[in-house]
N, C-alpha and C. Protein backbone atom coordinates (compact mmCIF):
# COMPACT_ATOMS: atom_id res chain seq x y z
N MET A 1 -26.60 -21.86 12.99
CA MET A 1 -25.68 -20.94 12.35
C MET A 1 -26.14 -19.51 12.53
N SER A 2 -25.20 -18.61 12.62
CA SER A 2 -25.52 -17.19 12.74
C SER A 2 -25.84 -16.62 11.37
N ASN A 3 -26.66 -15.60 11.40
CA ASN A 3 -26.95 -14.96 10.12
C ASN A 3 -25.95 -13.83 9.86
N LEU A 4 -26.02 -13.28 8.69
CA LEU A 4 -25.07 -12.26 8.26
C LEU A 4 -25.06 -11.04 9.18
N MET A 5 -26.21 -10.59 9.62
CA MET A 5 -26.29 -9.40 10.46
C MET A 5 -25.62 -9.64 11.81
N GLU A 6 -25.78 -10.84 12.38
CA GLU A 6 -25.14 -11.16 13.65
C GLU A 6 -23.62 -11.17 13.49
N ILE A 7 -23.14 -11.77 12.41
CA ILE A 7 -21.71 -11.83 12.16
C ILE A 7 -21.13 -10.43 11.97
N GLN A 8 -21.83 -9.59 11.21
CA GLN A 8 -21.36 -8.22 11.00
C GLN A 8 -21.34 -7.45 12.32
N SER A 9 -22.30 -7.69 13.17
CA SER A 9 -22.33 -7.05 14.48
C SER A 9 -21.14 -7.49 15.32
N GLN A 10 -20.83 -8.79 15.27
CA GLN A 10 -19.67 -9.31 16.01
C GLN A 10 -18.38 -8.70 15.47
N ILE A 11 -18.28 -8.60 14.15
CA ILE A 11 -17.08 -8.01 13.53
C ILE A 11 -16.92 -6.57 14.01
N GLU A 12 -18.01 -5.82 14.04
CA GLU A 12 -17.97 -4.43 14.48
C GLU A 12 -17.48 -4.32 15.92
N LYS A 13 -18.01 -5.20 16.79
CA LYS A 13 -17.60 -5.19 18.20
C LYS A 13 -16.12 -5.53 18.33
N LEU A 14 -15.67 -6.55 17.60
CA LEU A 14 -14.27 -6.97 17.67
C LEU A 14 -13.34 -5.88 17.13
N GLN A 15 -13.75 -5.20 16.07
CA GLN A 15 -12.92 -4.12 15.53
C GLN A 15 -12.81 -2.97 16.54
N LYS A 16 -13.90 -2.70 17.24
CA LYS A 16 -13.87 -1.66 18.26
C LYS A 16 -12.93 -2.07 19.39
N GLN A 17 -13.01 -3.34 19.82
CA GLN A 17 -12.12 -3.83 20.88
C GLN A 17 -10.67 -3.76 20.43
N ALA A 18 -10.40 -4.14 19.20
CA ALA A 18 -9.03 -4.10 18.67
C ALA A 18 -8.51 -2.68 18.65
N SER A 19 -9.35 -1.75 18.27
CA SER A 19 -8.96 -0.34 18.24
C SER A 19 -8.63 0.18 19.63
N GLU A 20 -9.45 -0.21 20.62
CA GLU A 20 -9.20 0.22 22.00
C GLU A 20 -7.90 -0.37 22.54
N ILE A 21 -7.66 -1.64 22.25
CA ILE A 21 -6.43 -2.29 22.70
C ILE A 21 -5.22 -1.62 22.05
N LYS A 22 -5.32 -1.33 20.75
CA LYS A 22 -4.22 -0.69 20.04
C LYS A 22 -3.93 0.68 20.65
N THR A 23 -4.97 1.44 20.97
CA THR A 23 -4.79 2.76 21.57
C THR A 23 -4.09 2.64 22.92
N LYS A 24 -4.52 1.69 23.75
CA LYS A 24 -3.89 1.50 25.06
C LYS A 24 -2.42 1.10 24.91
N GLU A 25 -2.15 0.15 24.03
CA GLU A 25 -0.78 -0.31 23.83
C GLU A 25 0.08 0.78 23.21
N PHE A 26 -0.50 1.58 22.34
CA PHE A 26 0.23 2.69 21.73
C PHE A 26 0.69 3.67 22.80
N ASP A 27 -0.23 4.08 23.65
CA ASP A 27 0.11 5.03 24.71
C ASP A 27 1.17 4.47 25.64
N LYS A 28 1.05 3.19 25.99
CA LYS A 28 2.03 2.54 26.86
C LYS A 28 3.40 2.50 26.19
N THR A 29 3.43 2.17 24.91
CA THR A 29 4.69 2.10 24.17
C THR A 29 5.34 3.47 24.08
N VAL A 30 4.56 4.49 23.81
CA VAL A 30 5.11 5.85 23.74
C VAL A 30 5.71 6.24 25.09
N GLN A 31 5.03 5.91 26.17
CA GLN A 31 5.55 6.24 27.49
C GLN A 31 6.87 5.51 27.77
N GLU A 32 6.96 4.24 27.36
CA GLU A 32 8.20 3.49 27.54
C GLU A 32 9.34 4.12 26.73
N ILE A 33 9.03 4.51 25.51
CA ILE A 33 10.05 5.14 24.66
C ILE A 33 10.51 6.46 25.27
N LEU A 34 9.56 7.27 25.72
CA LEU A 34 9.92 8.55 26.34
C LEU A 34 10.78 8.35 27.58
N ALA A 35 10.45 7.34 28.39
CA ALA A 35 11.24 7.06 29.59
C ALA A 35 12.68 6.69 29.22
N LYS A 36 12.83 5.85 28.19
CA LYS A 36 14.18 5.47 27.76
C LYS A 36 14.93 6.66 27.17
N MET A 37 14.22 7.49 26.43
CA MET A 37 14.87 8.68 25.86
C MET A 37 15.39 9.59 26.97
N GLN A 38 14.59 9.76 28.00
CA GLN A 38 15.01 10.60 29.12
C GLN A 38 16.18 9.96 29.86
N ALA A 39 16.13 8.65 30.07
CA ALA A 39 17.19 7.95 30.80
C ALA A 39 18.52 8.05 30.07
N PHE A 40 18.51 8.01 28.75
CA PHE A 40 19.74 8.04 27.97
C PHE A 40 20.05 9.44 27.42
N GLY A 41 19.19 10.41 27.69
CA GLY A 41 19.42 11.76 27.20
C GLY A 41 19.25 11.88 25.70
N ILE A 42 18.38 11.08 25.12
CA ILE A 42 18.15 11.09 23.68
C ILE A 42 17.13 12.17 23.34
N THR A 43 17.42 12.93 22.29
CA THR A 43 16.47 13.94 21.81
C THR A 43 15.95 13.51 20.44
N THR A 44 14.92 14.19 19.96
CA THR A 44 14.40 13.85 18.64
C THR A 44 15.44 14.13 17.56
N LYS A 45 16.33 15.04 17.79
CA LYS A 45 17.39 15.33 16.83
C LYS A 45 18.31 14.12 16.69
N ASP A 46 18.53 13.39 17.78
CA ASP A 46 19.37 12.19 17.74
C ASP A 46 18.74 11.10 16.87
N LEU A 47 17.44 11.15 16.66
CA LEU A 47 16.75 10.12 15.90
C LEU A 47 16.81 10.36 14.39
N GLN A 48 17.29 11.53 13.98
CA GLN A 48 17.40 11.84 12.57
C GLN A 48 18.54 11.05 11.95
N PRO A 49 18.41 10.64 10.68
CA PRO A 49 19.50 9.90 10.02
C PRO A 49 20.80 10.69 10.06
N GLY A 50 21.87 9.99 10.40
CA GLY A 50 23.19 10.62 10.44
C GLY A 50 23.45 11.42 11.69
N LYS A 51 22.53 11.43 12.62
CA LYS A 51 22.67 12.23 13.84
C LYS A 51 22.91 11.37 15.07
N ARG A 52 23.27 10.09 14.88
CA ARG A 52 23.45 9.19 16.02
C ARG A 52 24.68 9.60 16.82
N ARG A 53 24.60 9.38 18.12
CA ARG A 53 25.71 9.68 19.00
C ARG A 53 26.22 8.40 19.63
N GLY A 54 27.50 8.36 19.82
CA GLY A 54 28.10 7.25 20.55
C GLY A 54 28.54 7.77 21.90
N VAL A 55 29.55 7.17 22.46
CA VAL A 55 30.11 7.59 23.73
C VAL A 55 30.71 8.98 23.55
N LYS A 56 30.54 9.84 24.54
CA LYS A 56 31.08 11.19 24.56
C LYS A 56 30.54 12.06 23.41
N GLY A 57 29.37 11.71 22.87
CA GLY A 57 28.74 12.55 21.88
C GLY A 57 29.34 12.47 20.49
N LYS A 58 30.26 11.55 20.25
CA LYS A 58 30.86 11.43 18.92
C LYS A 58 29.88 10.72 18.00
N ALA A 59 29.89 11.11 16.74
CA ALA A 59 29.02 10.46 15.77
C ALA A 59 29.51 9.04 15.55
N MET A 60 28.56 8.11 15.47
CA MET A 60 28.91 6.71 15.25
C MET A 60 29.14 6.49 13.76
N PRO A 61 30.10 5.66 13.39
CA PRO A 61 30.33 5.41 11.97
C PRO A 61 29.17 4.62 11.39
N LYS A 62 28.90 4.86 10.12
CA LYS A 62 27.84 4.14 9.46
C LYS A 62 28.33 2.75 9.13
N ALA A 63 27.41 1.79 9.20
CA ALA A 63 27.75 0.41 8.88
C ALA A 63 27.88 0.27 7.37
N GLY A 64 28.70 -0.65 6.93
CA GLY A 64 28.84 -0.89 5.50
C GLY A 64 30.26 -1.20 5.14
N LYS A 65 30.46 -1.66 3.93
CA LYS A 65 31.79 -1.99 3.46
C LYS A 65 32.52 -0.70 3.11
N SER A 66 33.79 -0.71 3.32
CA SER A 66 34.57 0.46 2.97
C SER A 66 35.76 0.04 2.15
N GLY A 67 36.31 0.98 1.43
CA GLY A 67 37.46 0.72 0.58
C GLY A 67 38.74 0.74 1.41
N ALA A 68 39.89 0.69 0.73
CA ALA A 68 41.18 0.63 1.39
C ALA A 68 41.45 1.89 2.21
N ASN A 69 40.91 3.01 1.78
CA ASN A 69 41.16 4.27 2.49
C ASN A 69 40.13 4.54 3.59
N GLY A 70 39.26 3.58 3.88
CA GLY A 70 38.29 3.73 4.96
C GLY A 70 37.00 4.41 4.53
N ARG A 71 36.93 4.85 3.31
CA ARG A 71 35.71 5.51 2.82
C ARG A 71 34.78 4.49 2.19
N ARG A 72 33.51 4.79 2.27
CA ARG A 72 32.52 3.89 1.67
C ARG A 72 32.57 4.01 0.16
N LYS A 73 32.37 2.90 -0.52
CA LYS A 73 32.36 2.91 -1.97
C LYS A 73 31.00 3.42 -2.44
N PRO A 74 30.96 4.23 -3.48
CA PRO A 74 29.67 4.67 -4.02
C PRO A 74 28.93 3.47 -4.61
N ALA A 75 27.60 3.58 -4.72
CA ALA A 75 26.78 2.47 -5.20
C ALA A 75 27.23 2.03 -6.59
N ALA A 76 27.60 2.96 -7.45
CA ALA A 76 28.00 2.61 -8.81
C ALA A 76 29.26 1.74 -8.79
N ALA A 77 30.17 2.00 -7.87
CA ALA A 77 31.40 1.22 -7.78
C ALA A 77 31.12 -0.20 -7.31
N LYS A 78 30.06 -0.40 -6.58
CA LYS A 78 29.69 -1.73 -6.10
C LYS A 78 28.92 -2.51 -7.16
N GLY A 79 28.54 -1.86 -8.21
CA GLY A 79 27.76 -2.54 -9.24
C GLY A 79 26.27 -2.47 -8.96
N GLY A 80 25.87 -1.75 -7.93
CA GLY A 80 24.46 -1.63 -7.58
C GLY A 80 23.72 -0.76 -8.57
N GLN A 81 22.45 -0.98 -8.64
CA GLN A 81 21.64 -0.20 -9.56
C GLN A 81 20.35 0.18 -8.84
N VAL A 82 19.94 1.43 -8.97
CA VAL A 82 18.72 1.89 -8.34
C VAL A 82 17.54 1.34 -9.13
N VAL A 83 16.58 0.76 -8.42
CA VAL A 83 15.41 0.15 -9.05
C VAL A 83 14.16 0.85 -8.53
N ALA A 84 13.22 1.07 -9.41
CA ALA A 84 11.97 1.74 -9.03
C ALA A 84 11.19 0.88 -8.03
N ALA A 85 10.49 1.54 -7.12
CA ALA A 85 9.69 0.85 -6.12
C ALA A 85 8.49 0.18 -6.79
N LYS A 86 8.18 -1.04 -6.34
CA LYS A 86 7.02 -1.78 -6.86
C LYS A 86 5.91 -1.87 -5.82
N TYR A 87 6.26 -1.65 -4.54
CA TYR A 87 5.28 -1.79 -3.46
C TYR A 87 5.37 -0.58 -2.54
N ARG A 88 4.21 -0.12 -2.05
CA ARG A 88 4.17 1.00 -1.12
C ARG A 88 3.32 0.61 0.07
N GLY A 89 3.86 0.86 1.28
CA GLY A 89 3.15 0.52 2.51
C GLY A 89 2.18 1.61 2.92
N PRO A 90 1.40 1.36 3.96
CA PRO A 90 0.39 2.31 4.42
C PRO A 90 0.99 3.61 4.96
N ASN A 91 2.26 3.59 5.38
CA ASN A 91 2.90 4.80 5.90
C ASN A 91 3.89 5.39 4.91
N GLY A 92 3.78 5.01 3.63
CA GLY A 92 4.64 5.57 2.61
C GLY A 92 5.94 4.81 2.39
N GLU A 93 6.16 3.70 3.09
CA GLU A 93 7.37 2.92 2.91
C GLU A 93 7.32 2.30 1.50
N THR A 94 8.49 2.09 0.91
CA THR A 94 8.53 1.49 -0.41
C THR A 94 9.50 0.31 -0.44
N TRP A 95 9.28 -0.57 -1.41
CA TRP A 95 10.16 -1.72 -1.62
C TRP A 95 10.18 -2.03 -3.10
N SER A 96 11.36 -2.33 -3.63
CA SER A 96 11.53 -2.60 -5.06
C SER A 96 11.08 -4.00 -5.44
N GLY A 97 10.93 -4.87 -4.46
CA GLY A 97 10.57 -6.25 -4.76
C GLY A 97 11.80 -7.15 -4.84
N ARG A 98 12.98 -6.56 -4.65
CA ARG A 98 14.22 -7.34 -4.69
C ARG A 98 14.71 -7.61 -3.27
N GLY A 99 15.35 -8.75 -3.09
CA GLY A 99 15.89 -9.08 -1.77
C GLY A 99 14.79 -9.52 -0.82
N LEU A 100 15.15 -9.56 0.46
CA LEU A 100 14.18 -9.95 1.48
C LEU A 100 13.09 -8.90 1.59
N ALA A 101 11.90 -9.35 1.91
CA ALA A 101 10.79 -8.41 2.12
C ALA A 101 11.08 -7.59 3.37
N PRO A 102 10.81 -6.28 3.34
CA PRO A 102 11.06 -5.46 4.52
C PRO A 102 10.12 -5.83 5.66
N ARG A 103 10.48 -5.43 6.86
CA ARG A 103 9.69 -5.80 8.06
C ARG A 103 8.25 -5.34 7.97
N TRP A 104 8.04 -4.10 7.45
CA TRP A 104 6.67 -3.59 7.39
C TRP A 104 5.80 -4.48 6.52
N LEU A 105 6.36 -4.99 5.40
CA LEU A 105 5.59 -5.84 4.50
C LEU A 105 5.41 -7.23 5.10
N ALA A 106 6.45 -7.76 5.71
CA ALA A 106 6.35 -9.08 6.33
C ALA A 106 5.27 -9.09 7.41
N ALA A 107 5.20 -8.02 8.19
CA ALA A 107 4.18 -7.94 9.25
C ALA A 107 2.78 -7.91 8.64
N LEU A 108 2.61 -7.17 7.56
CA LEU A 108 1.30 -7.09 6.93
C LEU A 108 0.92 -8.40 6.25
N LEU A 109 1.90 -9.07 5.66
CA LEU A 109 1.63 -10.37 5.04
C LEU A 109 1.21 -11.39 6.09
N ALA A 110 1.79 -11.28 7.29
CA ALA A 110 1.45 -12.21 8.38
C ALA A 110 0.00 -12.04 8.84
N THR A 111 -0.58 -10.87 8.57
CA THR A 111 -1.97 -10.65 8.96
C THR A 111 -2.96 -11.13 7.91
N GLY A 112 -2.42 -11.70 6.81
CA GLY A 112 -3.31 -12.24 5.79
C GLY A 112 -3.40 -11.38 4.54
N ARG A 113 -2.74 -10.26 4.51
CA ARG A 113 -2.76 -9.40 3.32
C ARG A 113 -1.84 -10.02 2.26
N THR A 114 -1.91 -9.53 1.04
CA THR A 114 -1.05 -10.03 -0.03
C THR A 114 -0.18 -8.90 -0.55
N LYS A 115 0.92 -9.27 -1.22
CA LYS A 115 1.80 -8.25 -1.79
C LYS A 115 1.05 -7.40 -2.81
N GLU A 116 0.12 -8.01 -3.52
CA GLU A 116 -0.63 -7.29 -4.53
C GLU A 116 -1.44 -6.14 -3.93
N ASP A 117 -1.82 -6.26 -2.66
CA ASP A 117 -2.55 -5.17 -1.98
C ASP A 117 -1.72 -3.90 -1.92
N PHE A 118 -0.38 -4.04 -2.00
CA PHE A 118 0.51 -2.90 -1.84
C PHE A 118 1.25 -2.55 -3.12
N ALA A 119 0.90 -3.22 -4.23
CA ALA A 119 1.56 -2.95 -5.50
C ALA A 119 1.27 -1.53 -5.95
N ILE A 120 2.30 -0.88 -6.46
CA ILE A 120 2.15 0.49 -6.98
C ILE A 120 1.62 0.34 -8.41
N LYS A 121 0.49 0.97 -8.67
CA LYS A 121 -0.15 0.87 -9.97
C LYS A 121 0.60 1.77 -10.96
N ALA A 122 0.89 1.25 -12.16
CA ALA A 122 1.55 2.04 -13.21
C ALA A 122 0.54 3.05 -13.75
N GLU A 123 1.02 4.25 -13.96
CA GLU A 123 0.11 5.31 -14.44
C GLU A 123 0.20 5.48 -15.93
């Protein structure tokens, strides 16, 4: 059996390898995104909420249910209620704990973390 120092050394080496792989994949992914942005003429302004373009530069309609007049119903009319966030992700994402877990949390849970790791502490 290996002793604690050997295991810690292996962990350190593996973490360094993981960091290097992440850096390489990050750079490759950014390059792929930039290439697609150039191919489609997408700018960073197009990535802002509500700034999406469709064919001929027209704004795309937002998804969601609409009333008889084509307008979206306000949250209060749907019976929805705003709920305080119970979980916060490493990049500031939040989730109330209702409904399906968001992708960022599902990915972190798949790595062995728990929801409690991201619980927002009451002050």
